[in-house]
Amino acid sequence: MQCVRKQNARSKSQELLHSAHGKASASDNMRRLGLEGDTDLQFLLNGGDLVKVRSSSWKKNRYYKLQEDCKTVWHESKKTLKSKQTFSIEEIEAVRTGRKTEGMMKYTEDAVEGRAFSILFKGRQKSLDLIASSDEEAKKWVSGLEKVVSNTNSLTPQKKTEHWIYSCMEKADTNFDKKMSPKELKSFLQQINIEVEDEYVKMLFEKCDASKCGYLDGKEIEHFYKILTWREEINVIYGEYAKTGGLMSAADLRNFLFKEQMEDMSQSDALQLIDKYEIDENAKAKQLMTKDGFLMYLHQPEGLIFNPTHKILYQDMNQPLNHYFISSSHNTYLMEDQIKGPSSTEAYIKALMKGCRCVELDCWDGSDGEPVIYHGHTLTSKILFKDVIKAIKDFAFKTSEYPVILSLENHCSVEQQKIIAQHMISILGGALVTKPLGDKMPTCFPSPEELKGRFIVKGKSLDKLEDKAKAADDASVTEEEDDEADEEQENSKTSKSLKLAKELSDIVIYCKSVKFHGFEDSRDKQSFNEMASFKEGMAEKLAEDSANEYITHNTDKLSRVYPSGLRADSSNYNPVPLWNAGCQIVALNFQTPCTEMDLNQGLYLQNGQSGYILKPPYLRDRATEFDPITLTRGPWLKQKILHVMVISAQQLPKVNESKHSIVDPLVQVQIYGVPADTTMKQTQYIENNGFNPMWNENFQFEVCVPDLALVRFLIEDHDSTSDNEFVGQYTLPFNSLRNGYHHVPLLNKNGDLLSSARLFVHIMIVNSE
């Protein structure tokens, strides 16, 4: 085992010693990605000319090239040779072929379709629209980038850490002598988020400087790497269970899984884990697991905190549609705020790719007879309705195959309403629901399973469902608008009316918008397919003052909740109290990074990210007595005690990219759920260490209604003079927690994975006495 480890470490140090721009370095990185000799990757490393497209008049030649680290792409203008810029492979969300972005469709001609491709980035960074000199070159760029992105994402956490550490070492080697001086060592530690006293740097340096020559080289760097990546907590856990000559046998591993992880695995299961994750071939041949193999296991899905059986589709999808929480977006077209922010089809694509199943379309009369979508009476930009429908059709079912609800906010004239209906029918075709499913007139919603791959229109309708088959005499009818259609003029009390085109009315089947006149009125007069929309303030008041009535209403009706029009910055309200009240369509501004969106992402992380979560039985039963406020006794009370030990974290990102800015991390463990369960506890902060801080702090929580609880792990950078700054977070349903020692992946503000950063915790859930 020692021999294998030395060989691995030697190759790592050799990787560092090669020049950052040398051929050997590129070769090592190609091998690291499992793409050694790949012609598409070699094409990227050679680079080439591309046309960058920003507008119809701004199309300029740029030279693009993948750097030898296989992690960054840089480009320059051949005219000035000064506009050199880079972006990281890890920033890329997707590579899209053809003229498939808004900019490409708007600023280029059909003739470049085969040569066009776009690089889309995570977060709010604008996409990069490019045109190659030939179809063949475009294919090579796309194929090469997709391979690098895919293989980078699939690297093990250890490999990502190794590569990151050695990249930082190369940056710290300021004189490029392939050696590390004490000053460079301290600079390196600052880069990886550790600030230490000069005396400690001196002690660490002397410990590794076996040759006493005043710098680290070769095996001395290997020694330093081992000190740096040593994890005391893993060593303690492993040592307690490795009872077979200092290593872990299948029986030892099974003992650990049973006692700590509370998993009743067979000897055969344990052997499979050893075979899958042990990296020392000699140990694997003897059916033993080394500490490195054990750490590898703890980083894999089997070792993460989220129950892997909840990542796949595991819930009953044959219940009526109103029995589910449905991932929903408000003002889906906006990329930023709702006063002057840009509107874009990309906003719909991003929401759909995140599993959103209800998108909003604010429709207004456009020029040339074409309806547009934007936030009315504001400076937000406009996009064509038909372009939005095309984008929705292309991306609706990439993440989830379950139905998408198109929530229309209709401000159009009758003529342009007819065009809206025509576009939906012609573009969406047979996927659009235009009549009730089945041969008989329905009395309840169809299920998500029955509606797979279908689009449902939510909007005003002239007729009741049973009258849909009858011909209407008038082409349009005047209807009073409800509150939702007046979001932009929230404070306006003027009565408005809307002429509704029959063509548009006819395709509203299961989600007919009606005004809410009270629970009694809804119970006595509303059909199952008639649904109300609630401003957040009204919905929150109902959830607090009339929770049980609201829940009962939502057992056979759909409810949509949307943010107040006064939220000019497109901020969000807390969705949890509305979910507690059984509201299915709790619409949030997906474009706004915030705690509320973290909670939304956490809830819908389960059930295969289908965007549909089956509500607990007591939120589906019309005779329910559940009230989340008073919390009387009932089947919802499944009281649990949650024990959380926050042990350590690894490779936390810097909040400020300044060389001397080091985070002082603390961890908050937050519970969101019914009021009785909502709480937070916090660790002490660790000064000047974002690389491997250790807390070893224990917390205990009582959770009364685990079905409705979410657990959020938040890491902040402590600041004694101002508000703490966000470092990373992870949110998941309480029922998806796993017992035992687990790593917690961390997400940035935009909800994207921080590739190397993680939290290490111990979880124990027991029934309350």
Foldseek 3Di string as FASTA:
>chain_A
DVVVLVVVLLVLLVLLLDFQQDPVVLQVQCVLLVNRPPPLQVDQQVWDWKWWFDALPRTAIKTWHQGSNLFKIWIDHPVPRPPIDIDTLQFFPAKAAFQPFPRSVHRHDPVQRLQWIWTDGFFLDDIIIIGDPDSVVSVSNRVNSVSSSVSVLPRFLVSVVSSVLSVLLNVLPVVSPSKAALVSQQLSCLQLFFHDDSVVSVVLLVVLPPVPPRIDHRVSVSVSVCVQPDDVVLVVLQQVQQPDVSWHALVSVCVCCCPFQVDNDDSVVSLVLLCVQAPDPVCNVVRTHHSNSVVSCQRDPNNFFFFPVFQAADDDQFDFPLQWFFAAADLQQFLWFQAATEGGLVSVLVCLQLQHQEYEFEWEQDPPLFIWGGNPPHNYDIDTLLSNLLSCLVRNPPQAQFHHEYEYLDPYAQSSLLVNLVSNCVRLPPQQQQADPDDDQDQAGGTRVVSGSHYAYAEAADDDNVCLVPDDDDQWDKDWDEQVSCQLVNVDPDTDIGIYGNSNRRSHHQHHEDYDDDLVCCVPPNGLSYEYEEEPVVLLCCLQPVLLSLLLSSLRHAYAYDYHSVPRRQAFDACLSNVSSSHRHDHGHLSDQDPNVLQSSQECSTSNSNSIGRAPPLSNDNPHPDRLAVGDDDPQFQKKKKKKWFFKKASFDFPDSPSNGHFFKKKKKFKDHRPVQGDIDIFGTHPRGPHIDTTRDMDMGIDGRQSSMKIKIWMWGDDPPDDTHGGWMHMHRSVRGTARWHKHFTADSSRHTPSNIITIMGIDMDGDD
